[in-house]
N, C-alpha and C. Protein backbone atom coordinates (compact mmCIF):
# COMPACT_ATOMS: atom_id res chain seq x y z
N MET A 1 -8.28 -0.90 1.53
CA MET A 1 -7.27 0.04 2.33
C MET A 1 -6.50 0.98 1.30
N GLU A 2 -6.37 1.97 1.76
CA GLU A 2 -5.20 2.86 0.74
C GLU A 2 -4.05 3.11 0.59
N LYS A 3 -3.74 2.59 2.27
CA LYS A 3 -2.35 2.79 2.05
C LYS A 3 -1.48 1.35 1.70
N ASP A 4 -0.10 1.86 1.60
CA ASP A 4 0.74 0.28 0.94
C ASP A 4 1.08 -0.22 2.33
N PHE A 5 1.54 0.77 3.40
CA PHE A 5 2.20 0.19 4.89
C PHE A 5 1.71 0.29 6.05
N TRP A 6 1.25 -0.46 6.81
CA TRP A 6 1.15 0.34 7.87
C TRP A 6 1.86 -1.06 9.37
N THR A 7 1.94 0.10 10.26
CA THR A 7 3.11 0.07 11.48
C THR A 7 2.20 -1.16 12.26
N VAL A 8 3.37 -1.89 13.04
CA VAL A 8 2.41 -3.00 14.01
C VAL A 8 1.25 -1.86 15.10
N LYS A 9 1.96 -0.83 15.21
CA LYS A 9 0.64 -0.03 16.13
C LYS A 9 -0.25 0.02 15.39
N GLU A 10 -0.19 0.62 14.37
CA GLU A 10 -1.61 1.16 13.55
C GLU A 10 -2.35 -0.35 13.53
N VAL A 11 -1.60 -1.30 13.44
CA VAL A 11 -2.36 -2.97 12.63
C VAL A 11 -3.24 -3.01 13.93
N LEU A 12 -2.46 -3.11 15.60
CA LEU A 12 -3.38 -3.24 16.96
C LEU A 12 -4.24 -2.40 17.38
N GLU A 13 -4.73 -1.26 16.62
CA GLU A 13 -5.53 0.16 16.86
C GLU A 13 -6.92 -0.64 15.43
N ILE A 14 -6.36 -0.54 14.24
CA ILE A 14 -7.51 -1.20 13.36
C ILE A 14 -8.05 -2.10 13.67
N PHE A 15 -7.75 -3.47 13.98
CA PHE A 15 -8.27 -4.61 14.31
C PHE A 15 -8.61 -4.75 15.47
N GLU A 16 -7.67 -3.88 16.50
CA GLU A 16 -8.71 -4.15 17.96
C GLU A 16 -8.15 -5.47 18.43
N ILE A 17 -6.53 -5.65 18.01
CA ILE A 17 -6.20 -7.03 18.21
C ILE A 17 -4.92 -6.92 19.91
N LYS A 18 -4.79 -8.18 20.09
CA LYS A 18 -3.50 -7.97 21.12
C LYS A 18 -2.06 -8.19 20.77
N GLN A 19 -1.66 -7.78 21.35
CA GLN A 19 -0.37 -7.89 20.39
C GLN A 19 0.27 -9.27 20.47
N ARG A 20 -0.04 -10.13 21.55
CA ARG A 20 0.44 -11.70 21.41
C ARG A 20 -0.18 -12.53 20.09
N PHE A 21 -1.51 -11.98 19.89
CA PHE A 21 -2.01 -12.62 18.83
C PHE A 21 -1.40 -12.33 17.61
N LEU A 22 -1.10 -10.99 17.27
CA LEU A 22 0.27 -11.04 16.13
C LEU A 22 1.00 -11.54 16.54
N ASP A 23 1.94 -11.52 17.53
CA ASP A 23 3.20 -11.82 17.45
C ASP A 23 3.19 -13.61 17.03
N THR A 24 1.72 -14.03 17.53
CA THR A 24 1.62 -15.58 17.39
C THR A 24 1.58 -15.98 16.21
N LEU A 25 0.59 -14.85 15.59
CA LEU A 25 0.58 -15.13 13.55
C LEU A 25 1.46 -15.19 13.27
N GLU A 26 2.65 -14.33 13.23
CA GLU A 26 4.13 -14.31 12.83
C GLU A 26 5.14 -15.64 13.00
N GLU A 27 4.93 -15.81 14.29
CA GLU A 27 5.50 -16.88 14.77
C GLU A 27 5.15 -18.12 13.62
N GLU A 28 3.68 -18.53 13.55
CA GLU A 28 3.38 -19.68 12.66
C GLU A 28 3.57 -19.41 11.46
N ASP A 29 4.16 -18.18 10.68
CA ASP A 29 4.14 -17.56 9.67
C ASP A 29 2.84 -17.78 8.81
N ILE A 30 1.91 -17.29 9.46
CA ILE A 30 0.49 -16.88 8.85
C ILE A 30 0.40 -15.63 8.20
N VAL A 31 1.02 -14.62 9.27
CA VAL A 31 1.80 -13.20 8.35
C VAL A 31 2.66 -13.00 8.84
N CYS A 32 3.42 -11.80 7.67
CA CYS A 32 4.77 -11.36 7.51
C CYS A 32 5.26 -10.33 7.49
N THR A 33 5.59 -9.99 8.56
CA THR A 33 6.02 -8.61 8.58
C THR A 33 7.09 -7.86 7.86
N CYS A 34 7.24 -6.88 7.31
CA CYS A 34 8.58 -6.38 6.49
C CYS A 34 8.79 -4.93 7.24
N PHE A 35 9.82 -4.69 6.32
CA PHE A 35 10.17 -2.67 6.69
C PHE A 35 9.54 -1.82 6.14
N SER A 36 9.77 -0.70 6.81
CA SER A 36 9.41 0.59 5.75
C SER A 36 10.34 1.04 4.94
N GLU A 37 9.90 1.50 4.20
CA GLU A 37 10.99 2.21 2.74
C GLU A 37 12.01 2.63 3.29
N LYS A 38 12.05 3.33 4.59
CA LYS A 38 13.24 4.07 5.21
C LYS A 38 13.84 2.79 6.51
N GLY A 39 13.32 1.95 6.30
CA GLY A 39 13.76 0.70 7.35
C GLY A 39 13.49 0.81 9.10
N GLU A 40 12.64 2.10 8.86
CA GLU A 40 12.82 2.33 10.68
C GLU A 40 11.57 1.54 11.25
N GLU A 41 10.37 1.30 10.40
CA GLU A 41 9.61 0.32 11.29
C GLU A 41 8.98 -0.73 10.58
N ARG A 42 8.68 -1.80 11.76
CA ARG A 42 8.31 -3.01 11.16
C ARG A 42 7.03 -2.94 10.87
N GLY A 43 6.16 -3.54 9.94
CA GLY A 43 4.96 -3.62 9.31
C GLY A 43 4.43 -4.65 8.44
N TYR A 44 3.11 -4.41 7.97
CA TYR A 44 2.39 -5.03 7.37
C TYR A 44 2.14 -3.97 5.94
N HIS A 45 2.30 -4.80 4.81
CA HIS A 45 1.76 -4.39 3.50
C HIS A 45 0.47 -4.82 3.46
N SER A 46 -0.58 -4.59 2.26
CA SER A 46 -1.58 -4.62 1.43
C SER A 46 -2.05 -6.50 1.90
N ASP A 47 -1.52 -7.20 1.30
CA ASP A 47 -2.09 -8.45 1.32
C ASP A 47 -1.94 -9.01 3.04
N GLU A 48 -0.89 -8.67 3.74
CA GLU A 48 -0.95 -9.32 4.81
C GLU A 48 -2.14 -8.90 5.80
N MET A 49 -2.18 -6.99 5.55
CA MET A 49 -3.73 -6.40 6.16
C MET A 49 -5.08 -7.53 5.73
N GLU A 50 -4.88 -7.60 4.31
CA GLU A 50 -5.96 -8.89 4.35
C GLU A 50 -6.18 -9.98 4.88
N LYS A 51 -5.00 -10.79 5.13
CA LYS A 51 -4.97 -11.99 6.11
C LYS A 51 -5.15 -12.00 7.72
N LEU A 52 -4.62 -10.87 7.85
CA LEU A 52 -5.10 -10.24 9.41
C LEU A 52 -6.49 -10.29 9.94
N ARG A 53 -7.19 -9.32 8.49
CA ARG A 53 -8.24 -9.49 8.93
C ARG A 53 -9.19 -10.33 8.79
N VAL A 54 -8.83 -11.27 8.27
CA VAL A 54 -9.40 -12.87 8.16
C VAL A 54 -9.39 -13.64 9.12
N ALA A 55 -8.07 -13.50 9.82
CA ALA A 55 -7.54 -14.37 10.56
C ALA A 55 -8.22 -13.87 12.03
N LYS A 56 -8.71 -12.83 11.95
CA LYS A 56 -9.25 -12.02 13.56
C LYS A 56 -10.80 -12.36 13.27
N ILE A 57 -11.39 -12.54 11.98
CA ILE A 57 -12.61 -13.03 11.88
C ILE A 57 -13.02 -14.52 12.47
N LEU A 58 -11.90 -15.32 11.67
CA LEU A 58 -11.79 -16.52 12.03
C LEU A 58 -11.68 -16.88 13.66
N ALA A 59 -10.96 -16.26 14.42
CA ALA A 59 -10.10 -16.43 15.54
C ALA A 59 -11.32 -16.02 16.88
N GLU A 60 -11.97 -15.06 16.51
CA GLU A 60 -12.87 -13.95 17.25
C GLU A 60 -14.59 -14.71 17.19
N ASP A 61 -14.79 -14.85 16.10
CA ASP A 61 -15.98 -14.98 15.50
C ASP A 61 -16.27 -16.15 15.38
N LEU A 62 -15.55 -16.84 14.87
CA LEU A 62 -15.77 -18.37 14.31
C LEU A 62 -14.66 -19.43 15.37
N GLU A 63 -14.15 -19.00 16.24
CA GLU A 63 -13.45 -19.72 17.27
C GLU A 63 -12.74 -20.97 16.39
N VAL A 64 -12.08 -20.61 15.77
CA VAL A 64 -10.86 -21.52 14.98
C VAL A 64 -9.90 -21.27 15.22
N ASN A 65 -8.81 -22.14 15.69
CA ASN A 65 -7.91 -22.62 16.23
C ASN A 65 -6.73 -22.05 14.97
N LEU A 66 -5.37 -21.89 15.42
CA LEU A 66 -4.31 -21.28 14.77
C LEU A 66 -4.02 -22.20 13.36
N ALA A 67 -4.23 -23.36 13.59
CA ALA A 67 -3.99 -25.12 12.48
C ALA A 67 -4.59 -24.52 11.48
N GLY A 68 -6.19 -24.08 12.28
CA GLY A 68 -7.29 -23.89 11.06
C GLY A 68 -7.57 -22.50 10.05
N ILE A 69 -7.04 -21.42 10.88
CA ILE A 69 -6.73 -20.01 10.35
C ILE A 69 -5.60 -20.49 9.18
N ASP A 70 -4.38 -20.60 9.39
CA ASP A 70 -3.24 -20.95 8.58
C ASP A 70 -4.04 -22.10 6.96
N ILE A 71 -4.73 -22.90 7.60
CA ILE A 71 -5.31 -23.90 6.52
C ILE A 71 -6.20 -23.17 5.68
N ILE A 72 -7.08 -22.39 5.83
CA ILE A 72 -8.49 -21.49 5.63
C ILE A 72 -7.42 -20.37 4.95
N LEU A 73 -6.37 -19.86 5.18
CA LEU A 73 -6.19 -18.19 4.52
C LEU A 73 -4.85 -19.16 3.04
N ARG A 74 -4.59 -20.28 3.31
CA ARG A 74 -3.69 -20.79 2.54
C ARG A 74 -4.84 -21.51 1.21
N LEU A 75 -5.71 -21.98 1.23
CA LEU A 75 -7.16 -22.29 0.51
C LEU A 75 -7.75 -21.31 -0.22
N ARG A 76 -7.53 -19.98 0.42
CA ARG A 76 -8.18 -19.00 0.05
C ARG A 76 -7.21 -18.40 -0.82
N GLN A 77 -5.79 -18.43 -0.52
CA GLN A 77 -4.90 -17.96 -1.68
C GLN A 77 -4.62 -18.68 -2.63
N GLN A 78 -5.48 -19.84 -2.69
CA GLN A 78 -5.09 -20.69 -3.98
C GLN A 78 -6.19 -20.60 -4.26
N MET A 79 -7.37 -20.56 -4.10
CA MET A 79 -8.58 -20.04 -4.55
C MET A 79 -8.65 -18.46 -5.32
N VAL A 80 -7.78 -17.43 -4.85
CA VAL A 80 -7.60 -16.84 -5.99
C VAL A 80 -6.74 -16.58 -6.69
N GLU A 81 -5.62 -17.56 -6.68
CA GLU A 81 -4.88 -18.20 -7.70
C GLU A 81 -5.37 -18.57 -8.75
N MET A 82 -6.32 -19.62 -8.55
CA MET A 82 -6.89 -20.29 -9.27
C MET A 82 -8.31 -19.71 -10.32
N ARG A 83 -8.78 -18.46 -9.75
CA ARG A 83 -9.62 -17.49 -9.91
C ARG A 83 -8.63 -16.79 -11.12
N ARG A 84 -7.82 -16.33 -10.82
CA ARG A 84 -6.66 -15.67 -11.59
C ARG A 84 -6.73 -16.26 -13.01
N GLN A 85 -6.30 -17.62 -12.62
CA GLN A 85 -5.76 -18.59 -13.75
C GLN A 85 -7.45 -18.18 -14.88
N PHE A 86 -8.11 -18.73 -14.26
CA PHE A 86 -9.64 -19.23 -14.99
C PHE A 86 -10.03 -17.48 -15.91
N ASP A 87 -9.46 -16.62 -15.43
CA ASP A 87 -10.00 -15.27 -15.83
C ASP A 87 -8.86 -15.09 -17.04
N ASP A 88 -7.95 -16.02 -17.11
CA ASP A 88 -6.86 -15.60 -18.16
C ASP A 88 -7.11 -16.59 -19.18
N ILE A 89 -7.57 -17.45 -18.82
CA ILE A 89 -8.08 -18.47 -19.95
C ILE A 89 -9.55 -17.85 -20.56
N LEU A 90 -10.32 -17.36 -19.94
CA LEU A 90 -12.01 -17.09 -20.48
C LEU A 90 -11.09 -15.66 -21.49
N GLU A 91 -10.30 -15.25 -20.73
CA GLU A 91 -9.33 -13.93 -21.86
C GLU A 91 -9.22 -14.41 -23.28
N ASP A 92 -7.91 -15.58 -22.79
CA ASP A 92 -7.69 -15.75 -24.01
C ASP A 92 -8.34 -16.50 -25.22
N LEU A 93 -9.56 -17.17 -24.37
CA LEU A 93 -10.52 -17.87 -25.55
C LEU A 93 -11.61 -16.97 -26.04
N ALA A 94 -12.17 -15.40 -25.17
CA ALA A 94 -12.51 -14.81 -25.70
C ALA A 94 -11.76 -13.90 -27.27
N LYS A 95 -10.23 -13.59 -27.16
CA LYS A 95 -9.63 -13.09 -27.97
C LYS A 95 -9.86 -14.13 -29.13
N LYS A 96 -9.57 -15.32 -28.78
CA LYS A 96 -9.50 -16.73 -30.19
C LYS A 96 -11.19 -16.25 -30.97
N ILE A 97 -11.97 -16.67 -30.07
CA ILE A 97 -13.22 -16.47 -30.97
C ILE A 97 -13.48 -15.29 -31.25
N GLN A 98 -12.95 -13.69 -30.77
CA GLN A 98 -13.17 -12.47 -31.39
C GLN A 98 -12.39 -12.48 -32.85
N SER A 99 -11.34 -13.26 -33.08
CA SER A 99 -10.32 -13.14 -34.45
C SER A 99 -10.57 -14.59 -35.32
N GLY A 100 -11.97 -15.28 -34.54
CA GLY A 100 -12.08 -16.13 -35.29
C GLY A 100 -10.90 -17.46 -35.46
N PHE A 101 -10.49 -18.00 -34.48
CA PHE A 101 -9.64 -18.57 -34.22
C PHE A 101 -8.55 -18.58 -35.16
């Protein structure tokens, strides 16, 4: 997605979800809102938009409950972090190999 910040109204339209679903995800700390730079509107940053996209798929298509959505999103985040660490290790190893240790 190109933008860095989406309002609640935009999110409801983009994902075609109900306000109650969004509120529930917030109440369960599955997604977090923030305020625009001007502090006028509540909304979501890019990372949260991806969580919302996945949460919608899990809930609507796979009928996963909120606890399951939370667990899956947390595991997904851990996998992303582990991948970054692995990439860093590979990059360091490649540099050492190129320099002849």
